[in-house]
Amino acid sequence: MGLFSNNKKLCPICGNPTPRLLPTKIDGQPICKECDSKIDLPTGAVNQMSLTDFKKYLVDFQDNQALQAEFTTTYRFNIGFWGCSVFLDETHGLFRMKEDSGWVFQGKELKSFRISEDRSPLFESGSGTLKCTASDVPARVNAMADTIARFHMEKQEFERREAMEGLHRCMDETNEERRERERTNDLYRPRFDVPAPVKEFRVELTLDHPYWKSFDEKISAPEFDRDYPRAEDYLRTYREQTEELHLLASKLMRMIDPNAGETRIGGGAQSVQAAQPTVTLPTDAVSEIQKYKALLDAGVLTEEEFSAKKRQLLGI
């Protein structure tokens, strides 16, 4: 009100003053903040509405208040810091995309969904079943074992040379020269810039609703640590993320059909429970032991894994 309200331009819906700065407009006419606060529509949808359409929307939104008052969150899936979230009320068979505000949808309004990784399906609704497709990510990570090992060896060699250089110069270099040397070394320090097998996950919902027809959000997939990449660390994070996506898919499927089963396609539970990294064995046992020792020193393998592999190579 007052300085930031325009008493000469009243809201065509309720007659309240409208904002002076950047008001939302319907049919070219500004609306008040109270009416604006009731807008929960897909991006750009309000710009296509006439005043008659918007008045009908407000009536429908008011009718939805009963479900909004009834809604109690039993499960929440966070898409991302700046993204949306999915809130479920499994007791009443309801879901929403905003916490404590906005439309509440009934389970019957969810027609289908699909969760994918870089366009490859992971989980999707089917007729009376949740379809779970195995991912090839674990196998692709396993195939990167040699690449990761080479990086750790290169980094070890770089750090060895860096340490030797520091020992030789520490007696006669100034503090400024030492800082400049460290800055230069950091500039050329090896970084693991190999792309991860998956760039992003995608959650797509298809709705049978007068105002919302779909929901489509992307989620960043795990990345390798640039300084200390480990296949097992990546796979652990990947497994945790896909397990949470599987849980979301299971709950959404029950929204559609409480009696739905689950179908696994191509590899059983691999899409949810990633395998641990493995390495194939060449014939030269001595060189292979040296290779695995380097992996142990680099932190790629644990002591137990190295010992087990050594025993296998030695046949004991």
C-alpha atoms as a PDB file:
ATOM      1  CA  MET A   1       0.000   0.000   0.000  1.00  0.00           C
ATOM      2  CA  GLY A   2       1.037   3.673  -0.128  1.00  0.00           C
ATOM      3  CA  LEU A   3       4.292   4.447  -1.948  1.00  0.00           C
ATOM      4  CA  PHE A   4       4.510   1.086  -3.734  1.00  0.00           C
ATOM      5  CA  SER A   5       0.777   0.734  -4.507  1.00  0.00           C
ATOM      6  CA  ASN A   6      -1.133   2.318  -7.359  1.00  0.00           C
ATOM      7  CA  ASN A   7      -4.568   3.447  -6.194  1.00  0.00           C
ATOM      8  CA  LYS A   8      -5.447   4.718  -9.651  1.00  0.00           C
ATOM      9  CA  LYS A   9      -4.950   1.333 -11.298  1.00  0.00           C
ATOM     10  CA  LEU A  10      -7.108  -1.154  -9.425  1.00  0.00           C
ATOM     11  CA  CYS A  11      -7.067  -4.912  -9.825  1.00  0.00           C
ATOM     12  CA  PRO A  12      -9.720  -5.955 -12.383  1.00  0.00           C
ATOM     13  CA  ILE A  13     -10.366  -9.095 -10.314  1.00  0.00           C
ATOM     14  CA  CYS A  14     -10.946  -7.784  -6.776  1.00  0.00           C
ATOM     15  CA  GLY A  15     -10.561  -3.985  -6.982  1.00  0.00           C
ATOM     16  CA  ASN A  16      -7.483  -3.738  -4.718  1.00  0.00           C
ATOM     17  CA  PRO A  17      -4.603  -1.350  -5.549  1.00  0.00           C
ATOM     18  CA  THR A  18      -1.951  -2.849  -7.818  1.00  0.00           C
ATOM     19  CA  PRO A  19       1.863  -2.647  -7.447  1.00  0.00           C
ATOM     20  CA  ARG A  20       3.586   0.308  -9.047  1.00  0.00           C
ATOM     21  CA  LEU A  21       6.672  -1.753  -9.893  1.00  0.00           C
ATOM     22  CA  LEU A  22       6.595  -4.782 -12.204  1.00  0.00           C
ATOM     23  CA  PRO A  23       3.011  -5.911 -11.629  1.00  0.00           C
ATOM     24  CA  THR A  24       1.769  -9.176 -13.121  1.00  0.00           C
ATOM     25  CA  LYS A  25      -0.611  -8.418 -15.974  1.00  0.00           C
ATOM     26  CA  ILE A  26      -3.614 -10.332 -17.291  1.00  0.00           C
ATOM     27  CA  ASP A  27      -4.868  -9.227 -20.687  1.00  0.00           C
ATOM     28  CA  GLY A  28      -2.561  -6.219 -20.337  1.00  0.00           C
ATOM     29  CA  GLN A  29      -4.099  -5.155 -17.003  1.00  0.00           C
ATOM     30  CA  PRO A  30      -2.099  -5.254 -13.730  1.00  0.00           C
ATOM     31  CA  ILE A  31      -3.430  -7.371 -10.875  1.00  0.00           C
ATOM     32  CA  CYS A  32      -2.906  -6.965  -7.122  1.00  0.00           C
ATOM     33  CA  LYS A  33      -0.422  -8.909  -5.014  1.00  0.00           C
ATOM     34  CA  GLU A  34      -3.147 -10.993  -3.379  1.00  0.00           C
ATOM     35  CA  CYS A  35      -4.434 -12.294  -6.714  1.00  0.00           C
ATOM     36  CA  ASP A  36      -0.860 -12.688  -7.942  1.00  0.00           C
ATOM     37  CA  SER A  37      -0.023 -14.889  -4.919  1.00  0.00           C
ATOM     38  CA  LYS A  38      -2.594 -17.448  -6.100  1.00  0.00           C
ATOM     39  CA  ILE A  39      -0.860 -18.067  -9.414  1.00  0.00           C
ATOM     40  CA  ASP A  40       0.603 -21.564  -9.603  1.00  0.00           C
ATOM     41  CA  LEU A  41       0.874 -22.223 -13.322  1.00  0.00           C
ATOM     42  CA  PRO A  42       3.482 -23.493 -15.789  1.00  0.00           C
ATOM     43  CA  THR A  43       5.912 -20.852 -17.020  1.00  0.00           C
ATOM     44  CA  GLY A  44       4.248 -18.519 -19.521  1.00  0.00           C
ATOM     45  CA  ALA A  45       0.727 -19.939 -19.057  1.00  0.00           C
ATOM     46  CA  VAL A  46      -0.620 -16.818 -17.337  1.00  0.00           C
ATOM     47  CA  ASN A  47       0.440 -14.714 -20.331  1.00  0.00           C
ATOM     48  CA  GLN A  48      -1.963 -16.695 -22.528  1.00  0.00           C
ATOM     49  CA  MET A  49      -4.977 -16.111 -20.274  1.00  0.00           C
ATOM     50  CA  SER A  50      -7.833 -13.678 -20.742  1.00  0.00           C
ATOM     51  CA  LEU A  51      -9.459 -12.075 -17.695  1.00  0.00           C
ATOM     52  CA  THR A  52     -12.309 -14.570 -18.038  1.00  0.00           C
ATOM     53  CA  ASP A  53      -9.833 -17.464 -18.082  1.00  0.00           C
ATOM     54  CA  PHE A  54      -8.029 -16.103 -15.039  1.00  0.00           C
ATOM     55  CA  LYS A  55     -11.243 -15.605 -13.052  1.00  0.00           C
ATOM     56  CA  LYS A  56     -12.151 -19.243 -13.817  1.00  0.00           C
ATOM     57  CA  TYR A  57      -8.661 -20.273 -12.676  1.00  0.00           C
ATOM     58  CA  LEU A  58      -9.084 -18.448  -9.341  1.00  0.00           C
ATOM     59  CA  VAL A  59     -12.401 -20.244  -8.746  1.00  0.00           C
ATOM     60  CA  ASP A  60     -10.746 -23.608  -9.435  1.00  0.00           C
ATOM     61  CA  PHE A  61      -7.772 -22.697  -7.265  1.00  0.00           C
ATOM     62  CA  GLN A  62     -10.141 -21.778  -4.429  1.00  0.00           C
ATOM     63  CA  ASP A  63     -11.894 -25.144  -4.820  1.00  0.00           C
ATOM     64  CA  ASN A  64      -8.473 -26.793  -4.409  1.00  0.00           C
ATOM     65  CA  GLN A  65      -8.061 -25.220  -0.966  1.00  0.00           C
ATOM     66  CA  ALA A  66      -9.743 -28.198   0.703  1.00  0.00           C
ATOM     67  CA  LEU A  67      -7.029 -30.522  -0.607  1.00  0.00           C
ATOM     68  CA  GLN A  68      -4.351 -27.997   0.297  1.00  0.00           C
ATOM     69  CA  ALA A  69      -5.625 -27.878   3.888  1.00  0.00           C
ATOM     70  CA  GLU A  70      -5.731 -31.686   4.041  1.00  0.00           C
ATOM     71  CA  PHE A  71      -2.236 -32.200   2.605  1.00  0.00           C
ATOM     72  CA  THR A  72       0.372 -33.642   4.972  1.00  0.00           C
ATOM     73  CA  THR A  73       3.838 -34.366   3.557  1.00  0.00           C
ATOM     74  CA  THR A  74       4.953 -37.967   4.082  1.00  0.00           C
ATOM     75  CA  TYR A  75       7.771 -37.953   1.508  1.00  0.00           C
ATOM     76  CA  ARG A  76       9.846 -35.253  -0.167  1.00  0.00           C
ATOM     77  CA  PHE A  77      12.183 -35.579  -3.135  1.00  0.00           C
ATOM     78  CA  ASN A  78      14.498 -32.624  -3.722  1.00  0.00           C
ATOM     79  CA  ILE A  79      15.281 -31.973  -7.383  1.00  0.00           C
ATOM     80  CA  GLY A  80      18.010 -29.453  -6.612  1.00  0.00           C
ATOM     81  CA  PHE A  81      18.871 -26.238  -4.787  1.00  0.00           C
ATOM     82  CA  TRP A  82      17.250 -24.026  -7.426  1.00  0.00           C
ATOM     83  CA  GLY A  83      14.899 -26.665  -8.811  1.00  0.00           C
ATOM     84  CA  CYS A  84      11.520 -27.903  -7.711  1.00  0.00           C
ATOM     85  CA  SER A  85      10.696 -30.598  -5.221  1.00  0.00           C
ATOM     86  CA  VAL A  86       8.084 -33.322  -5.267  1.00  0.00           C
ATOM     87  CA  PHE A  87       5.983 -33.608  -2.102  1.00  0.00           C
ATOM     88  CA  LEU A  88       3.808 -36.663  -1.523  1.00  0.00           C
ATOM     89  CA  ASP A  89       0.929 -37.244   0.864  1.00  0.00           C
ATOM     90  CA  GLU A  90       0.752 -41.021   0.613  1.00  0.00           C
ATOM     91  CA  THR A  91      -1.981 -41.267   3.246  1.00  0.00           C
ATOM     92  CA  HIS A  92      -4.458 -39.320   1.108  1.00  0.00           C
ATOM     93  CA  GLY A  93      -2.992 -40.138  -2.318  1.00  0.00           C
ATOM     94  CA  LEU A  94      -1.985 -36.540  -3.071  1.00  0.00           C
ATOM     95  CA  PHE A  95       1.102 -34.747  -4.381  1.00  0.00           C
ATOM     96  CA  ARG A  96       2.296 -31.206  -5.029  1.00  0.00           C
ATOM     97  CA  MET A  97       5.325 -29.342  -6.421  1.00  0.00           C
ATOM     98  CA  LYS A  98       5.479 -26.530  -3.865  1.00  0.00           C
ATOM     99  CA  GLU A  99       5.816 -26.780  -0.118  1.00  0.00           C
ATOM    100  CA  ASP A 100       2.847 -25.370   1.803  1.00  0.00           C
ATOM    101  CA  SER A 101       1.429 -23.580  -1.263  1.00  0.00           C
ATOM    102  CA  GLY A 102       0.208 -24.110  -4.804  1.00  0.00           C
ATOM    103  CA  TRP A 103      -1.867 -26.807  -6.416  1.00  0.00           C
ATOM    104  CA  VAL A 104      -2.429 -30.131  -4.731  1.00  0.00           C
ATOM    105  CA  PHE A 105      -2.919 -32.914  -7.284  1.00  0.00           C
ATOM    106  CA  GLN A 106      -4.787 -36.153  -6.781  1.00  0.00           C
ATOM    107  CA  GLY A 107      -3.038 -39.411  -7.566  1.00  0.00           C
ATOM    108  CA  LYS A 108      -5.529 -40.134 -10.349  1.00  0.00           C
ATOM    109  CA  GLU A 109      -4.336 -36.977 -12.136  1.00  0.00           C
ATOM    110  CA  LEU A 110      -0.862 -38.491 -12.575  1.00  0.00           C
ATOM    111  CA  LYS A 111      -1.132 -40.357 -15.895  1.00  0.00           C
ATOM    112  CA  SER A 112       2.474 -41.467 -16.393  1.00  0.00           C
ATOM    113  CA  PHE A 113       6.082 -40.697 -15.501  1.00  0.00           C
ATOM    114  CA  ARG A 114       9.595 -41.410 -16.719  1.00  0.00           C
ATOM    115  CA  ILE A 115      12.954 -41.077 -14.944  1.00  0.00           C
ATOM    116  CA  SER A 116      15.980 -41.279 -17.225  1.00  0.00           C
ATOM    117  CA  GLU A 117      19.734 -40.736 -17.323  1.00  0.00           C
ATOM    118  CA  ASP A 118      20.963 -38.887 -20.422  1.00  0.00           C
ATOM    119  CA  ARG A 119      17.822 -39.955 -22.339  1.00  0.00           C
ATOM    120  CA  SER A 120      18.170 -43.622 -21.374  1.00  0.00           C
ATOM    121  CA  PRO A 121      15.214 -44.848 -19.266  1.00  0.00           C
ATOM    122  CA  LEU A 122      15.808 -45.977 -15.712  1.00  0.00           C
ATOM    123  CA  PHE A 123      12.295 -46.089 -14.257  1.00  0.00           C
ATOM    124  CA  GLU A 124       8.964 -45.522 -15.982  1.00  0.00           C
ATOM    125  CA  SER A 125       5.337 -46.279 -15.385  1.00  0.00           C
ATOM    126  CA  GLY A 126       3.703 -49.102 -17.297  1.00  0.00           C
ATOM    127  CA  SER A 127       0.366 -50.826 -17.302  1.00  0.00           C
ATOM    128  CA  GLY A 128       0.121 -52.122 -13.740  1.00  0.00           C
ATOM    129  CA  THR A 129       3.892 -52.203 -13.285  1.00  0.00           C
ATOM    130  CA  LEU A 130       6.934 -50.077 -12.633  1.00  0.00           C
ATOM    131  CA  LYS A 131       9.503 -50.763 -15.365  1.00  0.00           C
ATOM    132  CA  CYS A 132      13.102 -50.660 -14.097  1.00  0.00           C
ATOM    133  CA  THR A 133      15.811 -50.740 -16.762  1.00  0.00           C
ATOM    134  CA  ALA A 134      19.377 -51.745 -15.896  1.00  0.00           C
ATOM    135  CA  SER A 135      22.040 -49.094 -16.433  1.00  0.00           C
ATOM    136  CA  ASP A 136      25.419 -49.667 -18.098  1.00  0.00           C
ATOM    137  CA  VAL A 137      27.052 -46.998 -15.918  1.00  0.00           C
ATOM    138  CA  PRO A 138      28.761 -49.461 -13.516  1.00  0.00           C
ATOM    139  CA  ALA A 139      30.358 -51.290 -16.452  1.00  0.00           C
ATOM    140  CA  ARG A 140      31.474 -47.988 -18.020  1.00  0.00           C
ATOM    141  CA  VAL A 141      33.043 -46.895 -14.736  1.00  0.00           C
ATOM    142  CA  ASN A 142      34.811 -50.251 -14.408  1.00  0.00           C
ATOM    143  CA  ALA A 143      36.268 -49.736 -17.883  1.00  0.00           C
ATOM    144  CA  MET A 144      37.828 -46.470 -16.658  1.00  0.00           C
ATOM    145  CA  ALA A 145      39.991 -48.194 -14.038  1.00  0.00           C
ATOM    146  CA  ASP A 146      43.181 -47.955 -16.126  1.00  0.00           C
ATOM    147  CA  THR A 147      42.526 -44.278 -16.921  1.00  0.00           C
ATOM    148  CA  ILE A 148      42.081 -43.485 -13.225  1.00  0.00           C
ATOM    149  CA  ALA A 149      45.220 -45.444 -12.310  1.00  0.00           C
ATOM    150  CA  ARG A 150      47.304 -43.579 -14.923  1.00  0.00           C
ATOM    151  CA  PHE A 151      46.093 -40.260 -13.543  1.00  0.00           C
ATOM    152  CA  HIS A 152      47.152 -41.182 -10.005  1.00  0.00           C
ATOM    153  CA  MET A 153      50.570 -42.262 -11.234  1.00  0.00           C
ATOM    154  CA  GLU A 154      51.011 -38.989 -13.146  1.00  0.00           C
ATOM    155  CA  LYS A 155      49.938 -37.036 -10.100  1.00  0.00           C
ATOM    156  CA  GLN A 156      52.326 -38.942  -7.844  1.00  0.00           C
ATOM    157  CA  GLU A 157      55.193 -38.216 -10.248  1.00  0.00           C
ATOM    158  CA  PHE A 158      54.243 -34.527 -10.395  1.00  0.00           C
ATOM    159  CA  GLU A 159      54.130 -34.269  -6.599  1.00  0.00           C
ATOM    160  CA  ARG A 160      57.474 -36.102  -6.310  1.00  0.00           C
ATOM    161  CA  ARG A 161      59.094 -33.592  -8.689  1.00  0.00           C
ATOM    162  CA  GLU A 162      57.388 -30.736  -6.858  1.00  0.00           C
ATOM    163  CA  ALA A 163      58.779 -31.929  -3.518  1.00  0.00           C
ATOM    164  CA  MET A 164      62.303 -32.322  -4.939  1.00  0.00           C
ATOM    165  CA  GLU A 165      62.150 -28.869  -6.484  1.00  0.00           C
ATOM    166  CA  GLY A 166      61.063 -27.397  -3.183  1.00  0.00           C
ATOM    167  CA  LEU A 167      63.946 -29.077  -1.343  1.00  0.00           C
ATOM    168  CA  HIS A 168      66.487 -27.727  -3.811  1.00  0.00           C
ATOM    169  CA  ARG A 169      65.178 -24.187  -3.733  1.00  0.00           C
ATOM    170  CA  CYS A 170      64.047 -23.731  -0.150  1.00  0.00           C
ATOM    171  CA  MET A 171      67.495 -22.633   1.017  1.00  0.00           C
ATOM    172  CA  ASP A 172      67.951 -19.693  -1.322  1.00  0.00           C
ATOM    173  CA  GLU A 173      64.504 -18.584  -2.534  1.00  0.00           C
ATOM    174  CA  THR A 174      62.542 -15.706  -1.003  1.00  0.00           C
ATOM    175  CA  ASN A 175      59.008 -16.024   0.298  1.00  0.00           C
ATOM    176  CA  GLU A 176      57.694 -14.293  -2.812  1.00  0.00           C
ATOM    177  CA  GLU A 177      59.631 -16.670  -5.068  1.00  0.00           C
ATOM    178  CA  ARG A 178      58.276 -19.643  -3.127  1.00  0.00           C
ATOM    179  CA  ARG A 179      54.688 -18.404  -3.436  1.00  0.00           C
ATOM    180  CA  GLU A 180      55.166 -17.792  -7.167  1.00  0.00           C
ATOM    181  CA  ARG A 181      56.579 -21.305  -7.605  1.00  0.00           C
ATOM    182  CA  GLU A 182      53.631 -22.798  -5.734  1.00  0.00           C
ATOM    183  CA  ARG A 183      51.162 -20.804  -7.847  1.00  0.00           C
ATOM    184  CA  THR A 184      52.872 -22.013 -11.024  1.00  0.00           C
ATOM    185  CA  ASN A 185      52.888 -25.605  -9.832  1.00  0.00           C
ATOM    186  CA  ASP A 186      49.222 -25.406  -8.922  1.00  0.00           C
ATOM    187  CA  LEU A 187      48.474 -24.114 -12.413  1.00  0.00           C
ATOM    188  CA  TYR A 188      50.046 -27.199 -13.981  1.00  0.00           C
ATOM    189  CA  ARG A 189      48.973 -29.693 -11.319  1.00  0.00           C
ATOM    190  CA  PRO A 190      47.216 -32.691 -12.912  1.00  0.00           C
ATOM    191  CA  ARG A 191      43.417 -32.573 -12.721  1.00  0.00           C
ATOM    192  CA  PHE A 192      41.108 -35.450 -13.609  1.00  0.00           C
ATOM    193  CA  ASP A 193      38.953 -33.824 -16.277  1.00  0.00           C
ATOM    194  CA  VAL A 194      37.489 -37.007 -17.743  1.00  0.00           C
ATOM    195  CA  PRO A 195      33.689 -36.642 -18.105  1.00  0.00           C
ATOM    196  CA  ALA A 196      31.563 -38.856 -15.893  1.00  0.00           C
ATOM    197  CA  PRO A 197      29.445 -41.514 -17.627  1.00  0.00           C
ATOM    198  CA  VAL A 198      26.215 -39.633 -16.854  1.00  0.00           C
ATOM    199  CA  LYS A 199      25.639 -35.907 -17.184  1.00  0.00           C
ATOM    200  CA  GLU A 200      22.139 -35.609 -15.719  1.00  0.00           C
ATOM    201  CA  PHE A 201      18.992 -37.377 -14.612  1.00  0.00           C
ATOM    202  CA  ARG A 202      15.557 -36.247 -15.766  1.00  0.00           C
ATOM    203  CA  VAL A 203      12.175 -36.540 -14.041  1.00  0.00           C
ATOM    204  CA  GLU A 204       9.134 -36.212 -16.317  1.00  0.00           C
ATOM    205  CA  LEU A 205       5.518 -36.389 -15.138  1.00  0.00           C
ATOM    206  CA  THR A 206       2.477 -36.341 -17.413  1.00  0.00           C
ATOM    207  CA  LEU A 207      -0.707 -35.002 -15.795  1.00  0.00           C
ATOM    208  CA  ASP A 208      -4.408 -34.988 -16.623  1.00  0.00           C
ATOM    209  CA  HIS A 209      -5.177 -31.566 -15.171  1.00  0.00           C
ATOM    210  CA  PRO A 210      -6.865 -28.435 -16.551  1.00  0.00           C
ATOM    211  CA  TYR A 211      -3.814 -26.227 -15.898  1.00  0.00           C
ATOM    212  CA  TRP A 212      -0.831 -28.564 -15.546  1.00  0.00           C
ATOM    213  CA  LYS A 213      -0.119 -31.024 -18.361  1.00  0.00           C
ATOM    214  CA  SER A 214       3.455 -31.952 -17.519  1.00  0.00           C
ATOM    215  CA  PHE A 215       6.341 -31.508 -15.124  1.00  0.00           C
ATOM    216  CA  ASP A 216       9.913 -31.799 -16.380  1.00  0.00           C
ATOM    217  CA  GLU A 217      13.021 -31.239 -14.257  1.00  0.00           C
ATOM    218  CA  LYS A 218      16.693 -32.180 -14.608  1.00  0.00           C
ATOM    219  CA  ILE A 219      19.060 -33.277 -11.835  1.00  0.00           C
ATOM    220  CA  SER A 220      22.847 -33.131 -11.997  1.00  0.00           C
ATOM    221  CA  ALA A 221      24.492 -36.554 -11.904  1.00  0.00           C
ATOM    222  CA  PRO A 222      27.631 -37.338  -9.829  1.00  0.00           C
ATOM    223  CA  GLU A 223      31.060 -36.253 -11.013  1.00  0.00           C
ATOM    224  CA  PHE A 224      34.529 -37.630 -10.386  1.00  0.00           C
ATOM    225  CA  ASP A 225      36.674 -35.853  -7.821  1.00  0.00           C
ATOM    226  CA  ARG A 226      39.137 -33.868  -9.932  1.00  0.00           C
ATOM    227  CA  ASP A 227      41.999 -34.326  -7.468  1.00  0.00           C
ATOM    228  CA  TYR A 228      41.351 -37.799  -6.015  1.00  0.00           C
ATOM    229  CA  PRO A 229      39.082 -39.752  -8.390  1.00  0.00           C
ATOM    230  CA  ARG A 230      38.054 -43.194  -7.178  1.00  0.00           C
ATOM    231  CA  ALA A 231      35.750 -45.518  -9.087  1.00  0.00           C
ATOM    232  CA  GLU A 232      34.243 -46.863  -5.855  1.00  0.00           C
ATOM    233  CA  ASP A 233      33.467 -43.338  -4.591  1.00  0.00           C
ATOM    234  CA  TYR A 234      31.743 -42.427  -7.842  1.00  0.00           C
ATOM    235  CA  LEU A 235      29.742 -45.660  -7.886  1.00  0.00           C
ATOM    236  CA  ARG A 236      28.721 -45.200  -4.247  1.00  0.00           C
ATOM    237  CA  THR A 237      27.322 -41.733  -4.986  1.00  0.00           C
ATOM    238  CA  TYR A 238      25.699 -42.955  -8.197  1.00  0.00           C
ATOM    239  CA  ARG A 239      24.109 -45.881  -6.350  1.00  0.00           C
ATOM    240  CA  GLU A 240      22.725 -43.617  -3.616  1.00  0.00           C
ATOM    241  CA  GLN A 241      21.226 -41.244  -6.186  1.00  0.00           C
ATOM    242  CA  THR A 242      19.618 -43.978  -8.293  1.00  0.00           C
ATOM    243  CA  GLU A 243      18.275 -45.706  -5.188  1.00  0.00           C
ATOM    244  CA  GLU A 244      16.520 -42.467  -4.203  1.00  0.00           C
ATOM    245  CA  LEU A 245      15.166 -42.112  -7.759  1.00  0.00           C
ATOM    246  CA  HIS A 246      13.924 -45.701  -7.549  1.00  0.00           C
ATOM    247  CA  LEU A 247      12.148 -44.905  -4.286  1.00  0.00           C
ATOM    248  CA  LEU A 248      10.496 -41.858  -5.880  1.00  0.00           C
ATOM    249  CA  ALA A 249       9.439 -43.962  -8.872  1.00  0.00           C
ATOM    250  CA  SER A 250       7.969 -46.651  -6.595  1.00  0.00           C
ATOM    251  CA  LYS A 251       5.923 -44.103  -4.686  1.00  0.00           C
ATOM    252  CA  LEU A 252       4.702 -42.399  -7.871  1.00  0.00           C
ATOM    253  CA  MET A 253       3.722 -45.775  -9.305  1.00  0.00           C
ATOM    254  CA  ARG A 254       1.616 -46.478  -6.226  1.00  0.00           C
ATOM    255  CA  MET A 255      -0.083 -43.110  -6.768  1.00  0.00           C
ATOM    256  CA  ILE A 256      -1.155 -44.354 -10.193  1.00  0.00           C
ATOM    257  CA  ASP A 257      -1.902 -47.938  -9.169  1.00  0.00           C
ATOM    258  CA  PRO A 258      -1.657 -49.018  -5.500  1.00  0.00           C
ATOM    259  CA  ASN A 259      -1.450 -52.664  -6.613  1.00  0.00           C
ATOM    260  CA  ALA A 260       1.250 -52.193  -9.248  1.00  0.00           C
ATOM    261  CA  GLY A 261       4.161 -54.614  -9.406  1.00  0.00           C
ATOM    262  CA  GLU A 262       7.714 -54.098 -10.638  1.00  0.00           C
ATOM    263  CA  THR A 263       9.402 -55.354 -13.812  1.00  0.00           C
ATOM    264  CA  ARG A 264      13.183 -55.372 -14.258  1.00  0.00           C
ATOM    265  CA  ILE A 265      14.652 -55.169 -17.732  1.00  0.00           C
ATOM    266  CA  GLY A 266      18.191 -56.219 -18.700  1.00  0.00           C
ATOM    267  CA  GLY A 267      20.383 -56.997 -15.708  1.00  0.00           C
ATOM    268  CA  GLY A 268      18.222 -57.397 -12.613  1.00  0.00           C
ATOM    269  CA  ALA A 269      19.006 -54.914  -9.838  1.00  0.00           C
ATOM    270  CA  GLN A 270      22.080 -53.466 -11.501  1.00  0.00           C
ATOM    271  CA  SER A 271      20.280 -50.202 -12.285  1.00  0.00           C
ATOM    272  CA  VAL A 272      19.764 -49.621  -8.563  1.00  0.00           C
ATOM    273  CA  GLN A 273      22.665 -51.408  -6.929  1.00  0.00           C
ATOM    274  CA  ALA A 274      25.841 -50.642  -8.820  1.00  0.00           C
ATOM    275  CA  ALA A 275      28.605 -53.242  -8.952  1.00  0.00           C
ATOM    276  CA  GLN A 276      31.968 -52.621  -7.374  1.00  0.00           C
ATOM    277  CA  PRO A 277      34.858 -51.842  -9.748  1.00  0.00           C
ATOM    278  CA  THR A 278      36.726 -54.802 -11.187  1.00  0.00           C
ATOM    279  CA  VAL A 279      39.879 -55.061 -13.261  1.00  0.00           C
ATOM    280  CA  THR A 280      40.717 -57.737 -15.852  1.00  0.00           C
ATOM    281  CA  LEU A 281      43.957 -59.692 -15.411  1.00  0.00           C
ATOM    282  CA  PRO A 282      46.704 -59.862 -18.051  1.00  0.00           C
ATOM    283  CA  THR A 283      49.133 -62.782 -18.008  1.00  0.00           C
ATOM    284  CA  ASP A 284      52.180 -61.061 -16.505  1.00  0.00           C
ATOM    285  CA  ALA A 285      51.605 -61.484 -12.751  1.00  0.00           C
ATOM    286  CA  VAL A 286      54.630 -59.427 -11.648  1.00  0.00           C
ATOM    287  CA  SER A 287      53.718 -56.357 -13.686  1.00  0.00           C
ATOM    288  CA  GLU A 288      50.107 -56.711 -12.603  1.00  0.00           C
ATOM    289  CA  ILE A 289      51.070 -56.755  -8.919  1.00  0.00           C
ATOM    290  CA  GLN A 290      53.099 -53.579  -9.496  1.00  0.00           C
ATOM    291  CA  LYS A 291      50.099 -52.015 -11.206  1.00  0.00           C
ATOM    292  CA  TYR A 292      47.778 -52.860  -8.327  1.00  0.00           C
ATOM    293  CA  LYS A 293      50.361 -51.612  -5.837  1.00  0.00           C
ATOM    294  CA  ALA A 294      50.288 -48.254  -7.624  1.00  0.00           C
ATOM    295  CA  LEU A 295      46.492 -48.271  -7.341  1.00  0.00           C
ATOM    296  CA  LEU A 296      46.828 -49.019  -3.619  1.00  0.00           C
ATOM    297  CA  ASP A 297      49.309 -46.167  -3.120  1.00  0.00           C
ATOM    298  CA  ALA A 298      47.024 -43.830  -5.056  1.00  0.00           C
ATOM    299  CA  GLY A 299      44.056 -44.728  -2.874  1.00  0.00           C
ATOM    300  CA  VAL A 300      42.062 -46.330  -5.693  1.00  0.00           C
ATOM    301  CA  LEU A 301      42.195 -49.757  -3.994  1.00  0.00           C
ATOM    302  CA  THR A 302      41.926 -50.605  -0.330  1.00  0.00           C
ATOM    303  CA  GLU A 303      44.518 -52.746   1.459  1.00  0.00           C
ATOM    304  CA  GLU A 304      42.070 -55.652   1.525  1.00  0.00           C
ATOM    305  CA  GLU A 305      41.375 -55.364  -2.204  1.00  0.00           C
ATOM    306  CA  PHE A 306      45.086 -55.244  -3.025  1.00  0.00           C
ATOM    307  CA  SER A 307      45.846 -58.282  -0.817  1.00  0.00           C
ATOM    308  CA  ALA A 308      43.030 -60.282  -2.372  1.00  0.00           C
ATOM    309  CA  LYS A 309      44.191 -59.434  -5.895  1.00  0.00           C
ATOM    310  CA  LYS A 310      47.796 -60.261  -5.038  1.00  0.00           C
ATOM    311  CA  ARG A 311      46.777 -63.664  -3.673  1.00  0.00           C
ATOM    312  CA  GLN A 312      44.764 -64.302  -6.818  1.00  0.00           C
ATOM    313  CA  LEU A 313      47.693 -63.437  -9.087  1.00  0.00           C
ATOM    314  CA  LEU A 314      50.089 -65.563  -7.067  1.00  0.00           C
ATOM    315  CA  GLY A 315      47.620 -68.428  -6.950  1.00  0.00           C
ATOM    316  CA  ILE A 316      47.580 -68.685  -3.158  1.00  0.00           C
END
